[in-house]
Structure formats: structure tokens, C-alpha cells
Amino acid sequence: MDVPGGNGPTESGERMPDIPAALFREVLGCLPTGVTVVAAEGGRGPVGMAANSFTSVSLEPPMVLLCPARSSSTWPQIRAAGRFCVNVMHERHSEMTRRFAQRGVDRFAGLGWHPRPGGPAIEDAVAWIDCVLLDEHDAGDHTIVVAEVVAIEASEDTSPLVFHRGRYGGFLHGAPEDSG
């Protein structure tokens, strides 16, 4: 099947349609995601980056994945540590999380954190997931990182920060739906 304006053949020989990056971002932005800060002990202190491409992969063994941009200057520092702590951010952390997405700033300045097996744990996060790097896979302009979870902890205040359509927000906790 030949799709006009395609961007090249697939393994089956079919041509895929061109999808503008802005449209792709807009449509995928309809899916709300959690917000994390991935942090490690770097050679000159803590390093960290914001990441909302994060999910569980396996229960046995416990594994997760995240997808840093290939253009990231922080991911190579975290990779070099070989381990990291995924901080699941609280809904009140939107400004702090924006700092972890910026370049050329001291992301940990004035920030409360403590060491964990994987790396720096940000105070008042919703949860902490300590990981050991297992593998990386090139995926377009990002890298798929697979890691084994070696320790976990959750706070009692579980109001996560959510990213949806380019904006931060919270999650309304309501009564569970009746599945009956």
C-alpha cells in the first residue's frame, strides 16, 4: 500500500504517512501523564531531569522505562552513574519541575533532598523508585531506557502532579467507580 506523502517504507514495504510533529504532540498531549524527576549522583554533585515519559514494564522482575531526549545533556551524566532515583512529583511541585526541564540552572539549589540507593530523593515527592540501568534502545529523537527497580517507597500524601495538553495540574481523588 502506497500512502501519498509517505515518509518511507515499513518492513512490509508499506509507506507511512507524514505526521507533522506539532500535530503528533497535540494528539498525544490528550493522554495525561505523571511527572517525575530522574536524579543521580553525578561526578560533581546531584544531577536530575524532568521526565514524563515513564512507565512500568514488568512486575517479575520489577522493571520500568523512561525516554530521555537524545539531545539531553543530563541523561549522559545519569547514565554514567548506572543508577538513579525516579521521584514521582507532588501536585504542588510544578514550578520545581519546570526548573528540572531548563538548561543552565542549578536544579538542586535550595531544594530539600536526601540520598537513596538510586540517587537523590526530593523531599515531599509522592514516591521514590530506585533503579539500576539495564539497557538502552535508540528510538528516533529519544532513547528508551530500561531499568530494574531495586527499592521503592511512597509517601502518605499521594497527590501526584499530572501533565496534560502542555499544562500541569493535579488529580481529583473521588470515590472509586462501582465495577459491579
C-alpha atoms as a PDB file:
ATOM      1  CA  MET A   1       0.000   0.000   0.000  1.00  0.00           C
ATOM      2  CA  ASP A   2       1.474   3.356  -1.032  1.00  0.00           C
ATOM      3  CA  VAL A   3       0.344   6.338   1.021  1.00  0.00           C
ATOM      4  CA  PRO A   4       0.821   9.675  -0.782  1.00  0.00           C
ATOM      5  CA  GLY A   5       3.332  11.868   1.034  1.00  0.00           C
ATOM      6  CA  GLY A   6       4.682   8.919   2.978  1.00  0.00           C
ATOM      7  CA  ASN A   7       7.935   9.122   4.899  1.00  0.00           C
ATOM      8  CA  GLY A   8       9.400   5.826   3.783  1.00  0.00           C
ATOM      9  CA  PRO A   9       8.543   2.145   3.616  1.00  0.00           C
ATOM     10  CA  THR A  10       7.962  -0.057   6.633  1.00  0.00           C
ATOM     11  CA  GLU A  11       9.451  -3.551   6.903  1.00  0.00           C
ATOM     12  CA  SER A  12       6.434  -4.846   4.972  1.00  0.00           C
ATOM     13  CA  GLY A  13       7.102  -2.318   2.199  1.00  0.00           C
ATOM     14  CA  GLU A  14       4.137  -0.085   3.077  1.00  0.00           C
ATOM     15  CA  ARG A  15       4.729   3.666   3.074  1.00  0.00           C
ATOM     16  CA  MET A  16       3.804   5.517   6.244  1.00  0.00           C
ATOM     17  CA  PRO A  17       2.043   8.884   6.123  1.00  0.00           C
ATOM     18  CA  ASP A  18       3.901  12.025   7.175  1.00  0.00           C
ATOM     19  CA  ILE A  19       2.622  13.203  10.534  1.00  0.00           C
ATOM     20  CA  PRO A  20       3.609  16.768  11.437  1.00  0.00           C
ATOM     21  CA  ALA A  21       5.430  16.960  14.797  1.00  0.00           C
ATOM     22  CA  ALA A  22       3.057  19.661  16.088  1.00  0.00           C
ATOM     23  CA  LEU A  23       0.008  17.502  15.352  1.00  0.00           C
ATOM     24  CA  PHE A  24       1.660  14.447  16.913  1.00  0.00           C
ATOM     25  CA  ARG A  25       2.409  16.438  20.083  1.00  0.00           C
ATOM     26  CA  GLU A  26      -1.145  17.862  20.197  1.00  0.00           C
ATOM     27  CA  VAL A  27      -2.861  14.490  19.818  1.00  0.00           C
ATOM     28  CA  LEU A  28      -0.556  12.614  22.223  1.00  0.00           C
ATOM     29  CA  GLY A  29      -0.993  15.509  24.668  1.00  0.00           C
ATOM     30  CA  CYS A  30      -4.560  14.280  25.134  1.00  0.00           C
ATOM     31  CA  LEU A  31      -3.164  11.470  27.278  1.00  0.00           C
ATOM     32  CA  PRO A  32      -2.391  12.759  30.785  1.00  0.00           C
ATOM     33  CA  THR A  33       0.944  11.612  32.181  1.00  0.00           C
ATOM     34  CA  GLY A  34       2.544  11.601  35.568  1.00  0.00           C
ATOM     35  CA  VAL A  35       5.538  13.848  36.152  1.00  0.00           C
ATOM     36  CA  THR A  36       8.853  12.631  37.524  1.00  0.00           C
ATOM     37  CA  VAL A  37      12.318  13.935  38.232  1.00  0.00           C
ATOM     38  CA  VAL A  38      15.029  11.389  37.498  1.00  0.00           C
ATOM     39  CA  ALA A  39      18.071  12.050  39.692  1.00  0.00           C
ATOM     40  CA  ALA A  40      21.504  10.534  40.246  1.00  0.00           C
ATOM     41  CA  GLU A  41      24.757  11.307  41.997  1.00  0.00           C
ATOM     42  CA  GLY A  42      26.959  12.913  39.371  1.00  0.00           C
ATOM     43  CA  GLY A  43      30.694  13.470  39.460  1.00  0.00           C
ATOM     44  CA  ARG A  44      30.240  16.961  40.980  1.00  0.00           C
ATOM     45  CA  GLY A  45      27.035  16.503  42.949  1.00  0.00           C
ATOM     46  CA  PRO A  46      23.441  15.619  42.206  1.00  0.00           C
ATOM     47  CA  VAL A  47      22.084  15.758  38.648  1.00  0.00           C
ATOM     48  CA  GLY A  48      18.475  15.469  37.590  1.00  0.00           C
ATOM     49  CA  MET A  49      15.978  15.991  34.799  1.00  0.00           C
ATOM     50  CA  ALA A  50      12.212  16.167  34.436  1.00  0.00           C
ATOM     51  CA  ALA A  51      10.619  13.204  32.666  1.00  0.00           C
ATOM     52  CA  ASN A  52       7.012  12.410  31.915  1.00  0.00           C
ATOM     53  CA  SER A  53       7.800   9.502  29.574  1.00  0.00           C
ATOM     54  CA  PHE A  54       7.980   6.974  32.402  1.00  0.00           C
ATOM     55  CA  THR A  55       6.092   3.732  32.953  1.00  0.00           C
ATOM     56  CA  SER A  56       6.261   0.275  34.473  1.00  0.00           C
ATOM     57  CA  VAL A  57       7.387  -2.568  32.203  1.00  0.00           C
ATOM     58  CA  SER A  58       7.434  -5.747  34.292  1.00  0.00           C
ATOM     59  CA  LEU A  59       6.319  -6.976  37.704  1.00  0.00           C
ATOM     60  CA  GLU A  60       8.683 -10.002  37.733  1.00  0.00           C
ATOM     61  CA  PRO A  61      11.353  -8.763  37.862  1.00  0.00           C
ATOM     62  CA  PRO A  62      10.222  -5.220  38.659  1.00  0.00           C
ATOM     63  CA  MET A  63      11.285  -3.029  35.728  1.00  0.00           C
ATOM     64  CA  VAL A  64      10.485   0.459  34.433  1.00  0.00           C
ATOM     65  CA  LEU A  65      11.294   2.503  31.387  1.00  0.00           C
ATOM     66  CA  LEU A  66      11.837   6.172  30.681  1.00  0.00           C
ATOM     67  CA  CYS A  67      12.566   8.042  27.481  1.00  0.00           C
ATOM     68  CA  PRO A  68      15.070  10.912  27.675  1.00  0.00           C
ATOM     69  CA  ALA A  69      15.629  13.051  24.599  1.00  0.00           C
ATOM     70  CA  ARG A  70      18.778  12.163  22.664  1.00  0.00           C
ATOM     71  CA  SER A  71      19.644  15.876  22.908  1.00  0.00           C
ATOM     72  CA  SER A  72      19.648  15.743  26.727  1.00  0.00           C
ATOM     73  CA  SER A  73      22.882  16.891  28.334  1.00  0.00           C
ATOM     74  CA  THR A  74      21.750  15.457  31.688  1.00  0.00           C
ATOM     75  CA  TRP A  75      20.971  11.871  30.659  1.00  0.00           C
ATOM     76  CA  PRO A  76      24.642  11.033  29.879  1.00  0.00           C
ATOM     77  CA  GLN A  77      25.555  12.096  33.440  1.00  0.00           C
ATOM     78  CA  ILE A  78      22.804   9.908  34.897  1.00  0.00           C
ATOM     79  CA  ARG A  79      23.792   7.026  32.607  1.00  0.00           C
ATOM     80  CA  ALA A  80      27.386   7.272  33.867  1.00  0.00           C
ATOM     81  CA  ALA A  81      26.147   6.758  37.447  1.00  0.00           C
ATOM     82  CA  GLY A  82      24.471   3.497  36.363  1.00  0.00           C
ATOM     83  CA  ARG A  83      21.665   4.021  38.874  1.00  0.00           C
ATOM     84  CA  PHE A  84      19.059   6.679  39.577  1.00  0.00           C
ATOM     85  CA  CYS A  85      16.060   7.599  41.703  1.00  0.00           C
ATOM     86  CA  VAL A  86      12.776   8.376  39.989  1.00  0.00           C
ATOM     87  CA  ASN A  87      10.941  10.975  42.086  1.00  0.00           C
ATOM     88  CA  VAL A  88       7.182  10.969  41.443  1.00  0.00           C
ATOM     89  CA  MET A  89       6.337  14.625  41.863  1.00  0.00           C
ATOM     90  CA  HIS A  90       3.604  16.067  44.096  1.00  0.00           C
ATOM     91  CA  GLU A  91       0.964  18.328  42.543  1.00  0.00           C
ATOM     92  CA  ARG A  92       2.452  21.346  44.355  1.00  0.00           C
ATOM     93  CA  HIS A  93       5.826  20.818  42.587  1.00  0.00           C
ATOM     94  CA  SER A  94       5.013  22.281  39.162  1.00  0.00           C
ATOM     95  CA  GLU A  95       7.454  25.218  39.499  1.00  0.00           C
ATOM     96  CA  MET A  96      10.217  22.946  40.794  1.00  0.00           C
ATOM     97  CA  THR A  97       9.620  20.522  37.944  1.00  0.00           C
ATOM     98  CA  ARG A  98       9.925  23.348  35.403  1.00  0.00           C
ATOM     99  CA  ARG A  99      13.396  24.067  36.810  1.00  0.00           C
ATOM    100  CA  PHE A 100      14.402  20.446  36.101  1.00  0.00           C
ATOM    101  CA  ALA A 101      13.376  20.944  32.467  1.00  0.00           C
ATOM    102  CA  GLN A 102      15.566  24.055  31.990  1.00  0.00           C
ATOM    103  CA  ARG A 103      19.157  24.211  30.825  1.00  0.00           C
ATOM    104  CA  GLY A 104      21.910  26.167  32.542  1.00  0.00           C
ATOM    105  CA  VAL A 105      20.347  26.408  36.012  1.00  0.00           C
ATOM    106  CA  ASP A 106      21.302  24.811  39.332  1.00  0.00           C
ATOM    107  CA  ARG A 107      18.340  22.451  39.530  1.00  0.00           C
ATOM    108  CA  PHE A 108      19.044  21.435  43.138  1.00  0.00           C
ATOM    109  CA  ALA A 109      19.607  24.978  44.521  1.00  0.00           C
ATOM    110  CA  GLY A 110      17.591  25.416  47.720  1.00  0.00           C
ATOM    111  CA  LEU A 111      15.922  22.049  47.232  1.00  0.00           C
ATOM    112  CA  GLY A 112      15.452  19.606  50.099  1.00  0.00           C
ATOM    113  CA  TRP A 113      16.609  16.107  49.234  1.00  0.00           C
ATOM    114  CA  HIS A 114      18.202  13.069  50.836  1.00  0.00           C
ATOM    115  CA  PRO A 115      20.241  10.174  49.446  1.00  0.00           C
ATOM    116  CA  ARG A 116      18.616   6.884  48.472  1.00  0.00           C
ATOM    117  CA  PRO A 117      20.092   3.733  46.928  1.00  0.00           C
ATOM    118  CA  GLY A 118      19.464   5.078  43.409  1.00  0.00           C
ATOM    119  CA  GLY A 119      20.295   8.726  43.959  1.00  0.00           C
ATOM    120  CA  PRO A 120      18.808  11.956  45.323  1.00  0.00           C
ATOM    121  CA  ALA A 121      15.263  11.705  46.693  1.00  0.00           C
ATOM    122  CA  ILE A 122      13.376  15.003  46.579  1.00  0.00           C
ATOM    123  CA  GLU A 123      11.594  15.859  49.827  1.00  0.00           C
ATOM    124  CA  ASP A 124       7.803  15.763  49.668  1.00  0.00           C
ATOM    125  CA  ALA A 125       7.681  13.696  46.475  1.00  0.00           C
ATOM    126  CA  VAL A 126       4.774  11.266  46.196  1.00  0.00           C
ATOM    127  CA  ALA A 127       7.034   8.239  45.695  1.00  0.00           C
ATOM    128  CA  TRP A 128      10.650   7.216  45.104  1.00  0.00           C
ATOM    129  CA  ILE A 129      11.716   4.431  42.755  1.00  0.00           C
ATOM    130  CA  ASP A 130      15.377   3.425  42.928  1.00  0.00           C
ATOM    131  CA  CYS A 131      16.658   1.880  39.711  1.00  0.00           C
ATOM    132  CA  VAL A 132      19.707   0.247  38.165  1.00  0.00           C
ATOM    133  CA  LEU A 133      20.220   0.838  34.447  1.00  0.00           C
ATOM    134  CA  LEU A 134      19.821  -2.347  32.378  1.00  0.00           C
ATOM    135  CA  ASP A 135      19.611  -1.360  28.716  1.00  0.00           C
ATOM    136  CA  GLU A 136      19.089   1.450  26.232  1.00  0.00           C
ATOM    137  CA  HIS A 137      17.490   1.436  22.770  1.00  0.00           C
ATOM    138  CA  ASP A 138      17.588   4.186  20.148  1.00  0.00           C
ATOM    139  CA  ALA A 139      14.084   5.352  19.272  1.00  0.00           C
ATOM    140  CA  GLY A 140      14.009   8.322  16.901  1.00  0.00           C
ATOM    141  CA  ASP A 141      14.871  11.508  18.769  1.00  0.00           C
ATOM    142  CA  HIS A 142      14.672   9.764  22.165  1.00  0.00           C
ATOM    143  CA  THR A 143      16.306   6.833  23.924  1.00  0.00           C
ATOM    144  CA  ILE A 144      14.279   4.077  25.580  1.00  0.00           C
ATOM    145  CA  VAL A 145      15.908   3.301  28.921  1.00  0.00           C
ATOM    146  CA  VAL A 146      15.032   0.049  30.693  1.00  0.00           C
ATOM    147  CA  ALA A 147      15.916  -0.220  34.377  1.00  0.00           C
ATOM    148  CA  GLU A 148      15.448  -2.714  37.192  1.00  0.00           C
ATOM    149  CA  VAL A 149      13.755  -1.419  40.328  1.00  0.00           C
ATOM    150  CA  VAL A 150      15.828  -2.166  43.432  1.00  0.00           C
ATOM    151  CA  ALA A 151      13.926  -0.203  46.119  1.00  0.00           C
ATOM    152  CA  ILE A 152      10.649   1.722  46.372  1.00  0.00           C
ATOM    153  CA  GLU A 153       8.799   3.901  48.833  1.00  0.00           C
ATOM    154  CA  ALA A 154       5.632   6.014  48.774  1.00  0.00           C
ATOM    155  CA  SER A 155       4.654   8.958  50.930  1.00  0.00           C
ATOM    156  CA  GLU A 156       1.353   9.204  52.730  1.00  0.00           C
ATOM    157  CA  ASP A 157       0.312  12.256  50.684  1.00  0.00           C
ATOM    158  CA  THR A 158      -0.298  10.804  47.252  1.00  0.00           C
ATOM    159  CA  SER A 159      -1.480  13.798  45.226  1.00  0.00           C
ATOM    160  CA  PRO A 160       0.560  13.464  42.018  1.00  0.00           C
ATOM    161  CA  LEU A 161       1.489  16.164  39.549  1.00  0.00           C
ATOM    162  CA  VAL A 162      -0.095  15.499  36.150  1.00  0.00           C
ATOM    163  CA  PHE A 163       0.865  16.868  32.718  1.00  0.00           C
ATOM    164  CA  HIS A 164      -1.915  17.250  30.148  1.00  0.00           C
ATOM    165  CA  ARG A 165      -2.030  19.278  26.934  1.00  0.00           C
ATOM    166  CA  GLY A 166       1.051  21.279  27.846  1.00  0.00           C
ATOM    167  CA  ARG A 167      -0.134  22.195  31.351  1.00  0.00           C
ATOM    168  CA  TYR A 168       0.478  20.943  34.864  1.00  0.00           C
ATOM    169  CA  GLY A 169      -2.355  20.051  37.200  1.00  0.00           C
ATOM    170  CA  GLY A 170      -3.469  17.745  39.971  1.00  0.00           C
ATOM    171  CA  PHE A 171      -5.579  14.639  40.185  1.00  0.00           C
ATOM    172  CA  LEU A 172      -9.005  14.797  41.790  1.00  0.00           C
ATOM    173  CA  HIS A 173      -9.446  11.919  44.196  1.00  0.00           C
ATOM    174  CA  GLY A 174     -13.012  10.681  44.177  1.00  0.00           C
ATOM    175  CA  ALA A 175     -14.837   7.580  45.213  1.00  0.00           C
ATOM    176  CA  PRO A 176     -13.855   4.523  43.188  1.00  0.00           C
ATOM    177  CA  GLU A 177     -16.264   3.720  40.394  1.00  0.00           C
ATOM    178  CA  ASP A 178     -18.593   0.822  41.015  1.00  0.00           C
ATOM    179  CA  SER A 179     -17.292  -2.020  38.896  1.00  0.00           C
ATOM    180  CA  GLY A 180     -20.287  -4.187  39.706  1.00  0.00           C
END
